[in-house]
């Protein structure tokens, strides 16, 4: 008996719907590469990681991303204690 492989002829109905995969995507923090990971984006930018996270560095520095603290203070008409 001759085996017939059907799987070789079988194709997925929608083959072009998946995003491009980058094997070695650099993870950057402050423009410095930290590591390489697989991702669907060519580069990954992060603001906080292990070496500058307040929990691990025992600092009470509040990281303000995009002025969110100021927006909150203005919205609720609070006094800023800087």
PDB file of N, CA and C in Angstrom:
ATOM      1  N   UNK A   1       0.823  -1.186   0.000  1.00  0.00           N
ATOM      2  CA  UNK A   1       0.000   0.000   0.000  1.00  0.00           C
ATOM      3  C   UNK A   1       0.865   1.247   0.000  1.00  0.00           C
ATOM      4  N   UNK A   2       0.419   2.189  -0.709  1.00  0.00           N
ATOM      5  CA  UNK A   2       1.130   3.452  -0.799  1.00  0.00           C
ATOM      6  C   UNK A   2       0.434   4.476   0.101  1.00  0.00           C
ATOM      7  N   UNK A   3       1.207   5.100   0.952  1.00  0.00           N
ATOM      8  CA  UNK A   3       0.625   6.103   1.833  1.00  0.00           C
ATOM      9  C   UNK A   3       0.477   7.428   1.096  1.00  0.00           C
ATOM     10  N   UNK A   4      -0.645   8.008   1.266  1.00  0.00           N
ATOM     11  CA  UNK A   4      -0.903   9.310   0.658  1.00  0.00           C
ATOM     12  C   UNK A   4      -0.967  10.339   1.792  1.00  0.00           C
ATOM     13  N   UNK A   5      -0.128  11.329   1.705  1.00  0.00           N
ATOM     14  CA  UNK A   5      -0.161  12.372   2.729  1.00  0.00           C
ATOM     15  C   UNK A   5      -1.052  13.509   2.252  1.00  0.00           C
ATOM     16  N   UNK A   6      -2.104  13.660   2.951  1.00  0.00           N
ATOM     17  CA  UNK A   6      -3.073  14.706   2.615  1.00  0.00           C
ATOM     18  C   UNK A   6      -2.646  16.034   3.220  1.00  0.00           C
ATOM     19  N   UNK A   7      -1.890  15.984   4.295  1.00  0.00           N
ATOM     20  CA  UNK A   7      -1.513  17.211   4.993  1.00  0.00           C
ATOM     21  C   UNK A   7      -0.659  18.140   4.136  1.00  0.00           C
ATOM     22  N   UNK A   8       0.106  17.607   3.225  1.00  0.00           N
ATOM     23  CA  UNK A   8       0.933  18.459   2.375  1.00  0.00           C
ATOM     24  C   UNK A   8       0.084  19.325   1.459  1.00  0.00           C
ATOM     25  N   UNK A   9      -1.048  18.827   1.052  1.00  0.00           N
ATOM     26  CA  UNK A   9      -1.909  19.562   0.140  1.00  0.00           C
ATOM     27  C   UNK A   9      -2.868  20.494   0.881  1.00  0.00           C
ATOM     28  N   UNK A  10      -3.039  20.244   2.162  1.00  0.00           N
ATOM     29  CA  UNK A  10      -3.973  21.031   2.950  1.00  0.00           C
ATOM     30  C   UNK A  10      -3.362  22.385   3.306  1.00  0.00           C
ATOM     31  N   UNK A  11      -4.051  23.457   3.030  1.00  0.00           N
ATOM     32  CA  UNK A  11      -3.587  24.794   3.384  1.00  0.00           C
ATOM     33  C   UNK A  11      -4.646  25.480   4.229  1.00  0.00           C
ATOM     34  N   UNK A  12      -4.193  26.418   5.021  1.00  0.00           N
ATOM     35  CA  UNK A  12      -5.113  27.171   5.868  1.00  0.00           C
ATOM     36  C   UNK A  12      -5.922  28.123   4.983  1.00  0.00           C
ATOM     37  N   UNK A  13      -7.198  28.353   5.324  1.00  0.00           N
ATOM     38  CA  UNK A  13      -8.023  29.225   4.506  1.00  0.00           C
ATOM     39  C   UNK A  13      -7.558  30.682   4.491  1.00  0.00           C
ATOM     40  N   UNK A  14      -7.046  31.166   5.609  1.00  0.00           N
ATOM     41  CA  UNK A  14      -6.576  32.553   5.675  1.00  0.00           C
ATOM     42  C   UNK A  14      -5.109  32.541   6.094  1.00  0.00           C
ATOM     43  N   UNK A  15      -4.225  32.512   5.141  1.00  0.00           N
ATOM     44  CA  UNK A  15      -2.810  32.386   5.469  1.00  0.00           C
ATOM     45  C   UNK A  15      -2.122  33.721   5.708  1.00  0.00           C
ATOM     46  N   UNK A  16      -2.675  34.827   5.274  1.00  0.00           N
ATOM     47  CA  UNK A  16      -2.000  36.124   5.383  1.00  0.00           C
ATOM     48  C   UNK A  16      -2.588  37.016   6.470  1.00  0.00           C
ATOM     49  N   UNK A  17      -3.158  36.443   7.533  1.00  0.00           N
ATOM     50  CA  UNK A  17      -3.767  37.269   8.569  1.00  0.00           C
ATOM     51  C   UNK A  17      -2.869  37.456   9.783  1.00  0.00           C
ATOM     52  N   UNK A  18      -1.771  36.739   9.873  1.00  0.00           N
ATOM     53  CA  UNK A  18      -0.910  36.820  11.041  1.00  0.00           C
ATOM     54  C   UNK A  18       0.105  37.945  10.889  1.00  0.00           C
ATOM     55  N   UNK A  19       0.421  38.655  11.988  1.00  0.00           N
ATOM     56  CA  UNK A  19       1.407  39.733  11.908  1.00  0.00           C
ATOM     57  C   UNK A  19       2.817  39.180  11.712  1.00  0.00           C
ATOM     58  N   UNK A  20       3.694  40.045  11.269  1.00  0.00           N
ATOM     59  CA  UNK A  20       5.088  39.640  11.071  1.00  0.00           C
ATOM     60  C   UNK A  20       5.733  39.390  12.429  1.00  0.00           C
ATOM     61  N   UNK A  21       6.541  38.348  12.545  1.00  0.00           N
ATOM     62  CA  UNK A  21       7.195  37.979  13.792  1.00  0.00           C
ATOM     63  C   UNK A  21       8.672  38.329  13.712  1.00  0.00           C
ATOM     64  N   UNK A  22       9.160  39.072  14.695  1.00  0.00           N
ATOM     65  CA  UNK A  22      10.563  39.445  14.780  1.00  0.00           C
ATOM     66  C   UNK A  22      11.218  38.576  15.844  1.00  0.00           C
ATOM     67  N   UNK A  23      12.222  37.802  15.464  1.00  0.00           N
ATOM     68  CA  UNK A  23      12.877  36.861  16.376  1.00  0.00           C
ATOM     69  C   UNK A  23      13.690  37.575  17.456  1.00  0.00           C
ATOM     70  N   UNK A  24      14.422  38.619  17.083  1.00  0.00           N
ATOM     71  CA  UNK A  24      15.300  39.314  18.029  1.00  0.00           C
ATOM     72  C   UNK A  24      14.888  40.780  18.137  1.00  0.00           C
ATOM     73  N   UNK A  25      13.834  41.036  18.880  1.00  0.00           N
ATOM     74  CA  UNK A  25      13.367  42.399  19.103  1.00  0.00           C
ATOM     75  C   UNK A  25      14.078  42.971  20.317  1.00  0.00           C
ATOM     76  N   UNK A  26      14.781  44.117  20.170  1.00  0.00           N
ATOM     77  CA  UNK A  26      15.444  44.698  21.345  1.00  0.00           C
ATOM     78  C   UNK A  26      14.433  45.363  22.277  1.00  0.00           C
ATOM     79  N   UNK A  27      14.612  45.148  23.570  1.00  0.00           N
ATOM     80  CA  UNK A  27      13.813  45.815  24.598  1.00  0.00           C
ATOM     81  C   UNK A  27      14.668  46.969  25.108  1.00  0.00           C
ATOM     82  N   UNK A  28      14.178  48.208  24.944  1.00  0.00           N
ATOM     83  CA  UNK A  28      14.949  49.402  25.275  1.00  0.00           C
ATOM     84  C   UNK A  28      14.347  50.131  26.467  1.00  0.00           C
ATOM     85  N   UNK A  29      15.220  50.601  27.351  1.00  0.00           N
ATOM     86  CA  UNK A  29      14.824  51.452  28.472  1.00  0.00           C
ATOM     87  C   UNK A  29      15.775  52.636  28.467  1.00  0.00           C
ATOM     88  N   UNK A  30      15.242  53.836  28.276  1.00  0.00           N
ATOM     89  CA  UNK A  30      16.043  55.062  28.147  1.00  0.00           C
ATOM     90  C   UNK A  30      17.054  54.950  27.007  1.00  0.00           C
ATOM     91  N   UNK A  31      16.677  54.280  25.940  1.00  0.00           N
ATOM     92  CA  UNK A  31      17.540  54.149  24.771  1.00  0.00           C
ATOM     93  C   UNK A  31      18.624  53.093  24.900  1.00  0.00           C
ATOM     94  N   UNK A  32      18.690  52.411  26.024  1.00  0.00           N
ATOM     95  CA  UNK A  32      19.712  51.377  26.233  1.00  0.00           C
ATOM     96  C   UNK A  32      19.079  50.008  26.081  1.00  0.00           C
ATOM     97  N   UNK A  33      19.690  49.129  25.292  1.00  0.00           N
ATOM     98  CA  UNK A  33      19.122  47.783  25.128  1.00  0.00           C
ATOM     99  C   UNK A  33      19.289  46.949  26.395  1.00  0.00           C
ATOM    100  N   UNK A  34      18.214  46.288  26.797  1.00  0.00           N
ATOM    101  CA  UNK A  34      18.245  45.436  27.986  1.00  0.00           C
ATOM    102  C   UNK A  34      18.376  43.971  27.614  1.00  0.00           C
ATOM    103  N   UNK A  35      17.581  43.540  26.630  1.00  0.00           N
ATOM    104  CA  UNK A  35      17.606  42.140  26.207  1.00  0.00           C
ATOM    105  C   UNK A  35      16.926  42.036  24.845  1.00  0.00           C
ATOM    106  N   UNK A  36      16.871  40.843  24.325  1.00  0.00           N
ATOM    107  CA  UNK A  36      16.206  40.580  23.052  1.00  0.00           C
ATOM    108  C   UNK A  36      15.129  39.526  23.283  1.00  0.00           C
ATOM    109  N   UNK A  37      13.948  39.757  22.710  1.00  0.00           N
ATOM    110  CA  UNK A  37      12.830  38.826  22.836  1.00  0.00           C
ATOM    111  C   UNK A  37      12.149  38.682  21.485  1.00  0.00           C
ATOM    112  N   UNK A  38      11.272  37.726  21.348  1.00  0.00           N
ATOM    113  CA  UNK A  38      10.449  37.585  20.161  1.00  0.00           C
ATOM    114  C   UNK A  38       9.209  38.449  20.301  1.00  0.00           C
ATOM    115  N   UNK A  39       8.841  39.163  19.238  1.00  0.00           N
ATOM    116  CA  UNK A  39       7.697  40.072  19.314  1.00  0.00           C
ATOM    117  C   UNK A  39       7.143  40.335  17.927  1.00  0.00           C
ATOM    118  N   UNK A  40       5.949  40.914  17.894  1.00  0.00           N
ATOM    119  CA  UNK A  40       5.366  41.331  16.624  1.00  0.00           C
ATOM    120  C   UNK A  40       5.718  42.780  16.302  1.00  0.00           C
ATOM    121  N   UNK A  41       6.492  43.437  17.169  1.00  0.00           N
ATOM    122  CA  UNK A  41       6.954  44.806  16.933  1.00  0.00           C
ATOM    123  C   UNK A  41       8.468  44.788  16.759  1.00  0.00           C
ATOM    124  N   UNK A  42       9.017  45.680  15.924  1.00  0.00           N
ATOM    125  CA  UNK A  42      10.466  45.663  15.693  1.00  0.00           C
ATOM    126  C   UNK A  42      11.288  46.105  16.902  1.00  0.00           C
ATOM    127  N   UNK A  43      10.761  47.012  17.740  1.00  0.00           N
ATOM    128  CA  UNK A  43      11.432  47.418  18.977  1.00  0.00           C
ATOM    129  C   UNK A  43      10.387  47.606  20.070  1.00  0.00           C
ATOM    130  N   UNK A  44      10.801  47.417  21.306  1.00  0.00           N
ATOM    131  CA  UNK A  44       9.911  47.610  22.456  1.00  0.00           C
ATOM    132  C   UNK A  44      10.539  48.643  23.386  1.00  0.00           C
ATOM    133  N   UNK A  45       9.791  49.697  23.717  1.00  0.00           N
ATOM    134  CA  UNK A  45      10.237  50.740  24.628  1.00  0.00           C
ATOM    135  C   UNK A  45       9.541  50.543  25.975  1.00  0.00           C
ATOM    136  N   UNK A  46      10.302  50.490  27.054  1.00  0.00           N
ATOM    137  CA  UNK A  46       9.710  50.383  28.384  1.00  0.00           C
ATOM    138  C   UNK A  46      10.211  51.538  29.241  1.00  0.00           C
ATOM    139  N   UNK A  47       9.400  51.933  30.220  1.00  0.00           N
ATOM    140  CA  UNK A  47       9.758  53.024  31.116  1.00  0.00           C
ATOM    141  C   UNK A  47      10.368  52.514  32.418  1.00  0.00           C
ATOM    142  N   UNK A  48       9.854  51.398  32.909  1.00  0.00           N
ATOM    143  CA  UNK A  48      10.295  50.870  34.198  1.00  0.00           C
ATOM    144  C   UNK A  48      10.704  49.416  34.032  1.00  0.00           C
ATOM    145  N   UNK A  49      11.802  49.051  34.655  1.00  0.00           N
ATOM    146  CA  UNK A  49      12.213  47.656  34.704  1.00  0.00           C
ATOM    147  C   UNK A  49      12.862  47.394  36.050  1.00  0.00           C
ATOM    148  N   UNK A  50      13.376  46.237  36.275  1.00  0.00           N
ATOM    149  CA  UNK A  50      13.865  45.805  37.577  1.00  0.00           C
ATOM    150  C   UNK A  50      14.883  46.777  38.188  1.00  0.00           C
ATOM    151  N   UNK A  51      15.812  47.285  37.411  1.00  0.00           N
ATOM    152  CA  UNK A  51      16.883  48.120  37.955  1.00  0.00           C
ATOM    153  C   UNK A  51      16.425  49.528  38.339  1.00  0.00           C
ATOM    154  N   UNK A  52      15.300  50.024  37.791  1.00  0.00           N
ATOM    155  CA  UNK A  52      14.859  51.360  38.170  1.00  0.00           C
ATOM    156  C   UNK A  52      13.443  51.374  38.753  1.00  0.00           C
ATOM    157  N   UNK A  53      12.920  50.221  39.136  1.00  0.00           N
ATOM    158  CA  UNK A  53      11.591  50.154  39.741  1.00  0.00           C
ATOM    159  C   UNK A  53      11.683  50.596  41.205  1.00  0.00           C
ATOM    160  N   UNK A  54      10.779  51.479  41.669  1.00  0.00           N
ATOM    161  CA  UNK A  54      10.856  51.978  43.041  1.00  0.00           C
ATOM    162  C   UNK A  54      10.795  50.886  44.116  1.00  0.00           C
ATOM    163  N   UNK A  55      10.074  49.816  43.876  1.00  0.00           N
ATOM    164  CA  UNK A  55       9.988  48.733  44.856  1.00  0.00           C
ATOM    165  C   UNK A  55      11.343  48.071  45.092  1.00  0.00           C
ATOM    166  N   UNK A  56      12.106  47.848  44.022  1.00  0.00           N
ATOM    167  CA  UNK A  56      13.379  47.153  44.127  1.00  0.00           C
ATOM    168  C   UNK A  56      14.534  48.075  44.479  1.00  0.00           C
ATOM    169  N   UNK A  57      14.381  49.383  44.253  1.00  0.00           N
ATOM    170  CA  UNK A  57      15.462  50.322  44.548  1.00  0.00           C
ATOM    171  C   UNK A  57      15.257  51.018  45.887  1.00  0.00           C
ATOM    172  N   UNK A  58      14.150  50.715  46.593  1.00  0.00           N
ATOM    173  CA  UNK A  58      13.828  51.322  47.883  1.00  0.00           C
ATOM    174  C   UNK A  58      13.781  52.843  47.817  1.00  0.00           C
ATOM    175  N   UNK A  59      13.257  53.364  46.739  1.00  0.00           N
ATOM    176  CA  UNK A  59      13.115  54.816  46.602  1.00  0.00           C
ATOM    177  C   UNK A  59      11.639  55.162  46.540  1.00  0.00           C
ATOM    178  N   UNK A  60      11.317  56.349  46.925  1.00  0.00           N
ATOM    179  CA  UNK A  60       9.944  56.817  46.913  1.00  0.00           C
ATOM    180  C   UNK A  60       9.705  57.767  45.740  1.00  0.00           C
ATOM    181  N   UNK A  61      10.438  57.610  44.685  1.00  0.00           N
ATOM    182  CA  UNK A  61      10.289  58.458  43.517  1.00  0.00           C
ATOM    183  C   UNK A  61       9.017  58.058  42.782  1.00  0.00           C
ATOM    184  N   UNK A  62       8.158  59.040  42.522  1.00  0.00           N
ATOM    185  CA  UNK A  62       6.930  58.750  41.788  1.00  0.00           C
ATOM    186  C   UNK A  62       7.201  58.990  40.310  1.00  0.00           C
ATOM    187  N   UNK A  63       6.960  57.998  39.510  1.00  0.00           N
ATOM    188  CA  UNK A  63       7.148  58.102  38.080  1.00  0.00           C
ATOM    189  C   UNK A  63       5.870  58.690  37.492  1.00  0.00           C
ATOM    190  N   UNK A  64       5.981  59.835  36.858  1.00  0.00           N
ATOM    191  CA  UNK A  64       4.828  60.504  36.266  1.00  0.00           C
ATOM    192  C   UNK A  64       4.882  60.281  34.769  1.00  0.00           C
ATOM    193  N   UNK A  65       3.963  59.505  34.269  1.00  0.00           N
ATOM    194  CA  UNK A  65       3.928  59.189  32.849  1.00  0.00           C
ATOM    195  C   UNK A  65       2.911  60.082  32.154  1.00  0.00           C
ATOM    196  N   UNK A  66       3.388  60.898  31.253  1.00  0.00           N
ATOM    197  CA  UNK A  66       2.556  61.761  30.412  1.00  0.00           C
ATOM    198  C   UNK A  66       1.724  62.761  31.211  1.00  0.00           C
ATOM    199  N   UNK A  67       2.216  63.220  32.362  1.00  0.00           N
ATOM    200  CA  UNK A  67       1.522  64.239  33.120  1.00  0.00           C
ATOM    201  C   UNK A  67       0.220  63.779  33.741  1.00  0.00           C
ATOM    202  N   UNK A  68       0.101  62.511  34.053  1.00  0.00           N
ATOM    203  CA  UNK A  68      -1.148  61.981  34.594  1.00  0.00           C
ATOM    204  C   UNK A  68      -1.448  62.526  35.985  1.00  0.00           C
ATOM    205  N   UNK A  69      -0.408  62.743  36.778  1.00  0.00           N
ATOM    206  CA  UNK A  69      -0.622  63.276  38.119  1.00  0.00           C
ATOM    207  C   UNK A  69      -1.177  64.690  38.034  1.00  0.00           C
ATOM    208  N   UNK A  70      -0.601  65.492  37.154  1.00  0.00           N
ATOM    209  CA  UNK A  70      -1.083  66.864  36.995  1.00  0.00           C
ATOM    210  C   UNK A  70      -2.525  66.899  36.492  1.00  0.00           C
ATOM    211  N   UNK A  71      -2.867  65.999  35.583  1.00  0.00           N
ATOM    212  CA  UNK A  71      -4.248  65.930  35.094  1.00  0.00           C
ATOM    213  C   UNK A  71      -5.214  65.569  36.219  1.00  0.00           C
ATOM    214  N   UNK A  72      -4.800  64.639  37.088  1.00  0.00           N
ATOM    215  CA  UNK A  72      -5.638  64.232  38.215  1.00  0.00           C
ATOM    216  C   UNK A  72      -5.830  65.392  39.188  1.00  0.00           C
ATOM    217  N   UNK A  73      -4.728  66.084  39.518  1.00  0.00           N
ATOM    218  CA  UNK A  73      -4.809  67.218  40.450  1.00  0.00           C
ATOM    219  C   UNK A  73      -5.693  68.320  39.893  1.00  0.00           C
ATOM    220  N   UNK A  74      -5.548  68.603  38.613  1.00  0.00           N
ATOM    221  CA  UNK A  74      -6.359  69.644  37.983  1.00  0.00           C
ATOM    222  C   UNK A  74      -7.832  69.230  37.922  1.00  0.00           C
ATOM    223  N   UNK A  75      -8.100  67.968  37.611  1.00  0.00           N
ATOM    224  CA  UNK A  75      -9.466  67.485  37.478  1.00  0.00           C
ATOM    225  C   UNK A  75     -10.230  67.569  38.793  1.00  0.00           C
ATOM    226  N   UNK A  76      -9.578  67.193  39.879  1.00  0.00           N
ATOM    227  CA  UNK A  76     -10.238  67.173  41.181  1.00  0.00           C
ATOM    228  C   UNK A  76      -9.915  68.405  42.037  1.00  0.00           C
ATOM    229  N   UNK A  77      -9.266  69.396  41.426  1.00  0.00           N
ATOM    230  CA  UNK A  77      -8.955  70.673  42.065  1.00  0.00           C
ATOM    231  C   UNK A  77      -8.267  70.494  43.419  1.00  0.00           C
ATOM    232  N   UNK A  78      -7.202  69.700  43.400  1.00  0.00           N
ATOM    233  CA  UNK A  78      -6.411  69.437  44.591  1.00  0.00           C
ATOM    234  C   UNK A  78      -5.166  70.321  44.599  1.00  0.00           C
ATOM    235  N   UNK A  79      -4.537  70.455  45.770  1.00  0.00           N
ATOM    236  CA  UNK A  79      -3.287  71.200  45.867  1.00  0.00           C
ATOM    237  C   UNK A  79      -2.119  70.232  45.661  1.00  0.00           C
ATOM    238  N   UNK A  80      -1.163  70.653  44.863  1.00  0.00           N
ATOM    239  CA  UNK A  80       0.012  69.821  44.603  1.00  0.00           C
ATOM    240  C   UNK A  80       1.018  70.021  45.712  1.00  0.00           C
ATOM    241  N   UNK A  81       1.505  68.961  46.301  1.00  0.00           N
ATOM    242  CA  UNK A  81       2.531  69.004  47.351  1.00  0.00           C
ATOM    243  C   UNK A  81       3.844  68.517  46.771  1.00  0.00           C
ATOM    244  N   UNK A  82       4.566  69.397  46.079  1.00  0.00           N
ATOM    245  CA  UNK A  82       5.840  68.995  45.462  1.00  0.00           C
ATOM    246  C   UNK A  82       6.958  69.345  46.380  1.00  0.00           C
TER     247      UNK A  82
END
